[in-house]
Amino acid sequence: MSARLIIALVLAGIVGFGSGVGWTRWQMSAAQVTGGNTVQPSSDDARRERKEKFFSGDTDRNIRGGQELKPRW
């Protein structure tokens, strides 16, 4: 491979990576704008509550008498 080809590939990679980062930042900023009003970032308490709600299981579901996971070998 020639040096010019390597340089061209590296520059194309840098431009592609930069445009990907710019696109994701633009999408994130566009998602925060709703109806012309900017949505303020969530507070730490609201973020924590949302995370706990997402990762916590269904508290109403009875899992005590469930089937055990047994390997079939």
N, C-alpha and C. Protein backbone atom coordinates (compact mmCIF):
# COMPACT_ATOMS: atom_id res chain seq x y z
N MET A 1 0.85 -1.18 0.00
CA MET A 1 0.00 0.00 0.00
C MET A 1 0.89 1.24 0.00
N SER A 2 0.43 2.20 -0.70
CA SER A 2 1.20 3.43 -0.77
C SER A 2 0.87 4.32 0.42
N ALA A 3 1.75 5.24 0.67
CA ALA A 3 1.57 6.16 1.81
C ALA A 3 0.35 7.06 1.59
N ARG A 4 0.09 7.44 0.34
CA ARG A 4 -1.06 8.31 0.06
C ARG A 4 -2.38 7.60 0.37
N LEU A 5 -2.44 6.31 0.06
CA LEU A 5 -3.66 5.55 0.32
C LEU A 5 -3.90 5.42 1.82
N ILE A 6 -2.85 5.16 2.57
CA ILE A 6 -2.97 5.04 4.02
C ILE A 6 -3.43 6.36 4.63
N ILE A 7 -2.84 7.45 4.19
CA ILE A 7 -3.21 8.77 4.69
C ILE A 7 -4.66 9.07 4.34
N ALA A 8 -5.08 8.74 3.11
CA ALA A 8 -6.45 8.99 2.70
C ALA A 8 -7.43 8.17 3.55
N LEU A 9 -7.09 6.92 3.83
CA LEU A 9 -7.95 6.08 4.65
C LEU A 9 -8.04 6.60 6.08
N VAL A 10 -6.94 7.05 6.64
CA VAL A 10 -6.94 7.60 8.00
C VAL A 10 -7.78 8.87 8.05
N LEU A 11 -7.62 9.74 7.08
CA LEU A 11 -8.41 10.98 7.05
C LEU A 11 -9.90 10.67 6.87
N ALA A 12 -10.23 9.70 6.02
CA ALA A 12 -11.62 9.33 5.85
C ALA A 12 -12.20 8.76 7.15
N GLY A 13 -11.40 7.99 7.88
CA GLY A 13 -11.86 7.47 9.16
C GLY A 13 -12.09 8.57 10.18
N ILE A 14 -11.20 9.53 10.21
CA ILE A 14 -11.35 10.65 11.15
C ILE A 14 -12.59 11.47 10.82
N VAL A 15 -12.80 11.74 9.54
CA VAL A 15 -13.98 12.51 9.13
C VAL A 15 -15.25 11.73 9.43
N GLY A 16 -15.24 10.43 9.16
CA GLY A 16 -16.41 9.60 9.45
C GLY A 16 -16.72 9.55 10.93
N PHE A 17 -15.69 9.38 11.75
CA PHE A 17 -15.90 9.34 13.19
C PHE A 17 -16.42 10.68 13.69
N GLY A 18 -15.85 11.77 13.21
CA GLY A 18 -16.30 13.11 13.62
C GLY A 18 -17.73 13.38 13.22
N SER A 19 -18.10 12.95 12.02
CA SER A 19 -19.49 13.17 11.60
C SER A 19 -20.45 12.30 12.40
N GLY A 20 -20.02 11.10 12.78
CA GLY A 20 -20.87 10.25 13.62
C GLY A 20 -21.09 10.86 14.99
N VAL A 21 -20.04 11.40 15.57
CA VAL A 21 -20.16 12.05 16.88
C VAL A 21 -21.05 13.28 16.77
N GLY A 22 -20.86 14.05 15.71
CA GLY A 22 -21.69 15.24 15.52
C GLY A 22 -23.16 14.88 15.31
N TRP A 23 -23.41 13.81 14.58
CA TRP A 23 -24.78 13.37 14.34
C TRP A 23 -25.46 12.95 15.64
N THR A 24 -24.75 12.18 16.47
CA THR A 24 -25.37 11.75 17.73
C THR A 24 -25.61 12.93 18.66
N ARG A 25 -24.71 13.86 18.71
CA ARG A 25 -24.93 15.04 19.55
C ARG A 25 -26.10 15.86 19.05
N TRP A 26 -26.23 15.97 17.72
CA TRP A 26 -27.34 16.71 17.15
C TRP A 26 -28.66 16.01 17.46
N GLN A 27 -28.69 14.69 17.37
CA GLN A 27 -29.90 13.93 17.67
C GLN A 27 -30.28 14.10 19.14
N MET A 28 -29.29 14.06 20.03
CA MET A 28 -29.58 14.21 21.46
C MET A 28 -30.11 15.60 21.76
N SER A 29 -29.54 16.62 21.14
CA SER A 29 -30.02 17.98 21.41
C SER A 29 -31.39 18.18 20.78
N ALA A 30 -31.66 17.55 19.65
CA ALA A 30 -32.97 17.68 19.02
C ALA A 30 -34.03 16.96 19.84
N ALA A 31 -33.66 15.90 20.52
CA ALA A 31 -34.62 15.17 21.35
C ALA A 31 -35.00 15.96 22.59
N GLN A 32 -34.13 16.85 23.04
CA GLN A 32 -34.42 17.63 24.23
C GLN A 32 -35.33 18.80 23.94
N VAL A 33 -35.46 19.18 22.69
CA VAL A 33 -36.32 20.30 22.32
C VAL A 33 -37.68 19.74 21.92
N THR A 34 -38.70 20.16 22.64
CA THR A 34 -40.06 19.70 22.33
C THR A 34 -40.96 20.90 22.20
N GLY A 35 -41.51 21.10 21.04
CA GLY A 35 -42.46 22.20 20.82
C GLY A 35 -41.83 23.57 21.03
N GLY A 36 -40.57 23.72 20.75
CA GLY A 36 -39.90 25.00 20.91
C GLY A 36 -39.41 25.25 22.33
N ASN A 37 -39.82 24.42 23.28
CA ASN A 37 -39.37 24.58 24.65
C ASN A 37 -38.24 23.60 24.92
N THR A 38 -37.23 24.06 25.59
CA THR A 38 -36.14 23.15 25.92
C THR A 38 -36.47 22.43 27.21
N VAL A 39 -36.16 21.16 27.24
CA VAL A 39 -36.40 20.34 28.42
C VAL A 39 -35.15 20.39 29.28
N GLN A 40 -35.31 20.78 30.51
CA GLN A 40 -34.17 20.87 31.42
C GLN A 40 -33.70 19.46 31.79
N PRO A 41 -32.39 19.28 31.97
CA PRO A 41 -31.90 17.97 32.37
C PRO A 41 -32.51 17.54 33.70
N SER A 42 -32.73 16.25 33.86
CA SER A 42 -33.35 15.74 35.07
C SER A 42 -32.43 15.92 36.26
N SER A 43 -33.05 16.08 37.40
CA SER A 43 -32.25 16.17 38.62
C SER A 43 -31.75 14.78 38.97
N ASP A 44 -30.83 14.71 39.90
CA ASP A 44 -30.26 13.42 40.29
C ASP A 44 -31.31 12.52 40.91
N ASP A 45 -32.23 13.09 41.69
CA ASP A 45 -33.27 12.28 42.31
C ASP A 45 -34.20 11.68 41.26
N ALA A 46 -34.60 12.47 40.28
CA ALA A 46 -35.49 11.97 39.24
C ALA A 46 -34.78 10.92 38.40
N ARG A 47 -33.50 11.14 38.12
CA ARG A 47 -32.72 10.16 37.36
C ARG A 47 -32.61 8.85 38.12
N ARG A 48 -32.38 8.94 39.43
CA ARG A 48 -32.26 7.74 40.26
C ARG A 48 -33.58 6.98 40.31
N GLU A 49 -34.68 7.71 40.47
CA GLU A 49 -36.00 7.07 40.51
C GLU A 49 -36.32 6.37 39.19
N ARG A 50 -35.99 7.02 38.08
CA ARG A 50 -36.24 6.42 36.77
C ARG A 50 -35.40 5.16 36.58
N LYS A 51 -34.15 5.21 37.05
CA LYS A 51 -33.27 4.05 36.94
C LYS A 51 -33.78 2.90 37.80
N GLU A 52 -34.22 3.20 39.03
CA GLU A 52 -34.74 2.15 39.90
C GLU A 52 -36.02 1.55 39.33
N LYS A 53 -36.87 2.36 38.74
CA LYS A 53 -38.11 1.86 38.16
C LYS A 53 -37.81 0.96 36.96
N PHE A 54 -36.81 1.31 36.18
CA PHE A 54 -36.47 0.53 34.99
C PHE A 54 -35.85 -0.81 35.36
N PHE A 55 -34.91 -0.81 36.31
CA PHE A 55 -34.18 -2.03 36.64
C PHE A 55 -34.85 -2.88 37.71
N SER A 56 -35.81 -2.36 38.42
CA SER A 56 -36.46 -3.17 39.45
C SER A 56 -37.47 -4.09 38.78
N GLY A 57 -37.74 -5.21 39.42
CA GLY A 57 -38.68 -6.17 38.87
C GLY A 57 -40.10 -5.82 39.23
N ASP A 58 -41.01 -6.66 38.78
CA ASP A 58 -42.42 -6.50 39.09
C ASP A 58 -42.65 -6.98 40.52
N THR A 59 -42.99 -6.08 41.41
CA THR A 59 -43.14 -6.44 42.83
C THR A 59 -44.41 -7.22 43.09
N ASP A 60 -45.38 -7.17 42.17
CA ASP A 60 -46.64 -7.89 42.36
C ASP A 60 -46.55 -9.35 41.93
N ARG A 61 -45.52 -9.69 41.17
CA ARG A 61 -45.40 -11.04 40.65
C ARG A 61 -44.81 -11.97 41.70
N ASN A 62 -45.46 -13.11 41.93
CA ASN A 62 -44.98 -14.09 42.89
C ASN A 62 -43.96 -15.00 42.19
N ILE A 63 -42.71 -14.92 42.65
CA ILE A 63 -41.67 -15.74 42.04
C ILE A 63 -41.16 -16.80 43.00
N ARG A 64 -41.77 -16.93 44.16
CA ARG A 64 -41.30 -17.89 45.17
C ARG A 64 -41.54 -19.34 44.75
N GLY A 65 -42.69 -19.63 44.17
CA GLY A 65 -43.01 -21.00 43.83
C GLY A 65 -42.74 -21.31 42.36
N GLY A 66 -41.84 -20.59 41.75
CA GLY A 66 -41.58 -20.77 40.33
C GLY A 66 -40.76 -22.01 40.03
N GLN A 67 -40.68 -22.34 38.75
CA GLN A 67 -39.92 -23.50 38.31
C GLN A 67 -38.43 -23.20 38.40
N GLU A 68 -37.68 -24.18 38.88
CA GLU A 68 -36.24 -24.01 38.98
C GLU A 68 -35.62 -24.17 37.59
N LEU A 69 -34.53 -23.50 37.41
CA LEU A 69 -33.81 -23.65 36.16
C LEU A 69 -32.89 -24.86 36.27
N LYS A 70 -33.16 -25.87 35.48
CA LYS A 70 -32.36 -27.08 35.53
C LYS A 70 -31.73 -27.29 34.15
N PRO A 71 -30.44 -27.50 34.12
CA PRO A 71 -29.80 -27.77 32.83
C PRO A 71 -30.26 -29.11 32.26
N ARG A 72 -30.37 -29.19 30.96
CA ARG A 72 -30.82 -30.42 30.31
C ARG A 72 -29.63 -31.14 29.67
N TRP A 73 -28.73 -31.62 30.47
CA TRP A 73 -27.62 -32.35 29.92
C TRP A 73 -27.52 -33.67 30.52
